[in-house]
Protein backbone atom coordinates (compact mmCIF):
# COMPACT_ATOMS: atom_id res chain seq x y z
CA MET A 1 8.18 12.72 35.09
CA ASN A 2 4.70 12.90 36.54
CA SER A 3 1.89 10.45 35.77
CA THR A 4 0.19 12.84 33.34
CA SER A 5 3.27 13.20 31.14
CA VAL A 6 3.88 9.42 31.24
CA ALA A 7 0.29 8.79 30.13
CA THR A 8 0.65 11.37 27.37
CA THR A 9 3.91 9.79 26.17
CA GLU A 10 2.34 6.32 26.20
CA ALA A 11 -0.70 7.57 24.28
CA ALA A 12 1.54 9.20 21.68
CA ALA A 13 3.51 5.97 21.26
CA ALA A 14 0.27 4.01 20.84
CA ASP A 15 -0.91 6.52 18.23
CA ARG A 16 2.36 6.11 16.31
CA TRP A 17 1.99 2.31 16.27
CA LYS A 18 -1.62 2.66 15.10
CA SER A 19 -0.41 4.93 12.30
CA ILE A 20 2.28 2.48 11.22
CA SER A 21 -0.23 -0.38 11.33
CA LEU A 22 -2.72 1.57 9.23
CA VAL A 23 -0.09 2.40 6.62
CA PHE A 24 0.93 -1.26 6.51
CA VAL A 25 -2.71 -2.24 5.91
CA CYS A 26 -2.81 0.39 3.16
CA THR A 27 0.10 -1.33 1.43
CA LEU A 28 -1.80 -4.62 1.43
CA LEU A 29 -5.00 -2.95 0.20
CA GLY A 30 -3.05 -1.14 -2.51
CA ALA A 31 -1.44 -4.36 -3.73
CA ALA A 32 -4.79 -6.18 -3.77
CA ALA A 33 -6.32 -3.22 -5.61
CA GLN A 34 -3.60 -3.38 -8.26
CA MET A 35 -4.19 -7.10 -8.78
CA LEU A 36 -7.92 -6.46 -9.26
CA ILE A 37 -7.27 -3.55 -11.63
CA LYS A 38 -4.89 -5.68 -13.71
CA THR A 39 -7.44 -8.51 -13.80
CA GLY A 40 -10.20 -6.10 -14.79
CA ALA A 41 -8.05 -4.41 -17.42
CA ASN A 42 -7.41 -7.77 -19.06
CA THR A 43 -11.16 -8.24 -19.63
CA ILE A 44 -11.78 -4.91 -21.38
CA SER A 45 -12.64 -5.05 -25.06
CA HIS A 46 -10.19 -3.49 -27.52
CA LYS A 47 -12.70 -3.02 -30.35
CA ASP A 48 -13.11 0.74 -30.09
CA TRP A 49 -13.07 3.51 -27.52
CA LEU A 50 -16.78 3.16 -26.68
CA ALA A 51 -16.48 -0.58 -26.05
CA SER A 52 -13.38 0.09 -23.92
CA LEU A 53 -15.20 2.76 -21.90
CA LEU A 54 -18.20 0.50 -21.34
CA GLY A 55 -15.87 -2.30 -20.30
CA MET A 56 -14.21 -0.03 -17.77
CA LEU A 57 -17.54 1.06 -16.34
CA THR A 58 -18.96 -2.45 -16.02
CA SER A 59 -15.93 -4.46 -14.90
CA MET A 60 -16.43 -5.65 -11.31
CA PRO A 61 -12.71 -6.29 -10.69
CA LEU A 62 -11.97 -2.71 -11.79
CA PHE A 63 -14.76 -1.37 -9.59
CA PHE A 64 -13.55 -3.25 -6.52
CA GLY A 65 -9.93 -2.39 -7.26
CA TYR A 66 -10.70 1.32 -7.37
CA ALA A 67 -12.90 1.00 -4.28
CA MET A 68 -9.99 -0.61 -2.42
CA TYR A 69 -7.75 2.26 -3.49
CA GLY A 70 -10.32 4.69 -2.11
CA LEU A 71 -10.45 2.84 1.21
CA SER A 72 -6.67 2.81 1.28
CA LEU A 73 -6.57 6.60 0.84
CA ILE A 74 -9.06 7.11 3.68
CA LEU A 75 -6.99 4.91 5.99
CA LEU A 76 -3.81 6.66 4.88
CA THR A 77 -5.33 10.01 5.81
CA LEU A 78 -6.17 8.68 9.27
CA ALA A 79 -2.66 7.26 9.66
CA PHE A 80 -0.99 10.56 8.76
CA ARG A 81 -2.79 12.37 11.59
CA HIS A 82 -0.57 10.96 14.34
CA GLY A 83 2.55 9.63 12.65
CA GLU A 84 5.69 11.16 11.27
CA LEU A 85 5.39 11.52 7.51
CA SER A 86 9.10 10.81 7.03
CA LYS A 87 8.63 7.40 8.71
CA LEU A 88 5.20 6.50 7.38
CA TYR A 89 5.52 7.38 3.72
CA PRO A 90 8.44 5.04 2.97
CA VAL A 91 6.34 2.13 4.28
CA ILE A 92 4.05 2.69 1.29
CA ALA A 93 6.91 1.42 -0.87
CA LEU A 94 6.16 -2.03 0.51
CA THR A 95 3.22 -2.04 -1.90
CA TYR A 96 5.79 -2.71 -4.64
CA VAL A 97 7.02 -5.72 -2.69
CA TRP A 98 3.52 -7.18 -2.33
CA VAL A 99 2.71 -6.52 -5.99
CA ALA A 100 5.92 -8.23 -7.09
CA GLY A 101 5.10 -11.29 -5.02
CA LEU A 102 1.43 -11.41 -6.00
CA SER A 103 2.35 -10.97 -9.66
CA VAL A 104 4.46 -14.10 -9.47
CA LEU A 105 1.89 -16.11 -7.49
CA ILE A 106 -1.35 -14.99 -9.17
CA LEU A 107 -0.41 -13.68 -12.60
CA HIS A 108 2.49 -16.12 -13.08
CA GLU A 109 4.85 -13.32 -14.08
CA PRO A 110 8.56 -14.13 -13.94
CA MET A 111 10.76 -12.98 -11.06
CA ASN A 112 14.29 -12.37 -12.21
CA THR A 113 17.43 -11.47 -10.30
CA PHE A 114 17.05 -7.73 -10.85
CA LYS A 115 13.46 -7.73 -9.57
CA GLY A 116 14.59 -9.73 -6.54
CA ILE A 117 17.39 -7.27 -5.83
CA GLY A 118 14.94 -4.38 -6.22
CA VAL A 119 12.52 -5.96 -3.75
CA ALA A 120 15.35 -6.55 -1.27
CA LEU A 121 16.52 -2.94 -1.61
CA ILE A 122 12.99 -1.64 -1.00
CA VAL A 123 12.64 -3.76 2.14
CA ALA A 124 16.08 -2.67 3.37
CA GLY A 125 15.32 0.97 2.61
CA VAL A 126 12.00 0.94 4.44
CA GLY A 127 13.72 -0.71 7.40
CA MET A 128 16.49 1.89 7.43
CA MET A 129 14.00 4.76 7.25
CA GLY A 130 12.17 3.32 10.25
CA ILE A 131 15.30 2.96 12.38
CA GLY A 132 15.95 6.69 12.69
CA GLY A 133 13.90 8.06 15.57
CA SER A 134 12.81 11.55 16.39
CA LYS A 135 14.39 13.32 19.34
């Protein structure tokens, strides 16, 4: 291998790690966005459809939650440029793991055995998807 091909291979590996890192950040942003959306949804009036609509348009947690989703989508687009979709997309499932944990910590929702098993299976599945390399 000459120095040019080694540099190209190293640059490609760095791009893949950047892509994985960006997708991981997207999972954290997505989980935080869902917490904000849930918080904002809890503050919306249930009087009538107009009051509900106005509540949706003026709720700061909803606004910031949707803004975080937008940022997450932009970062996801950048991540997909250099990574393998079959490796990157399963990482997005980690959002479910973060939401489950944050729901227990912040919203005081119960974590039962089945939810725990589901979280463990998601983590195991994402890990298994990442093990297989391209040739």
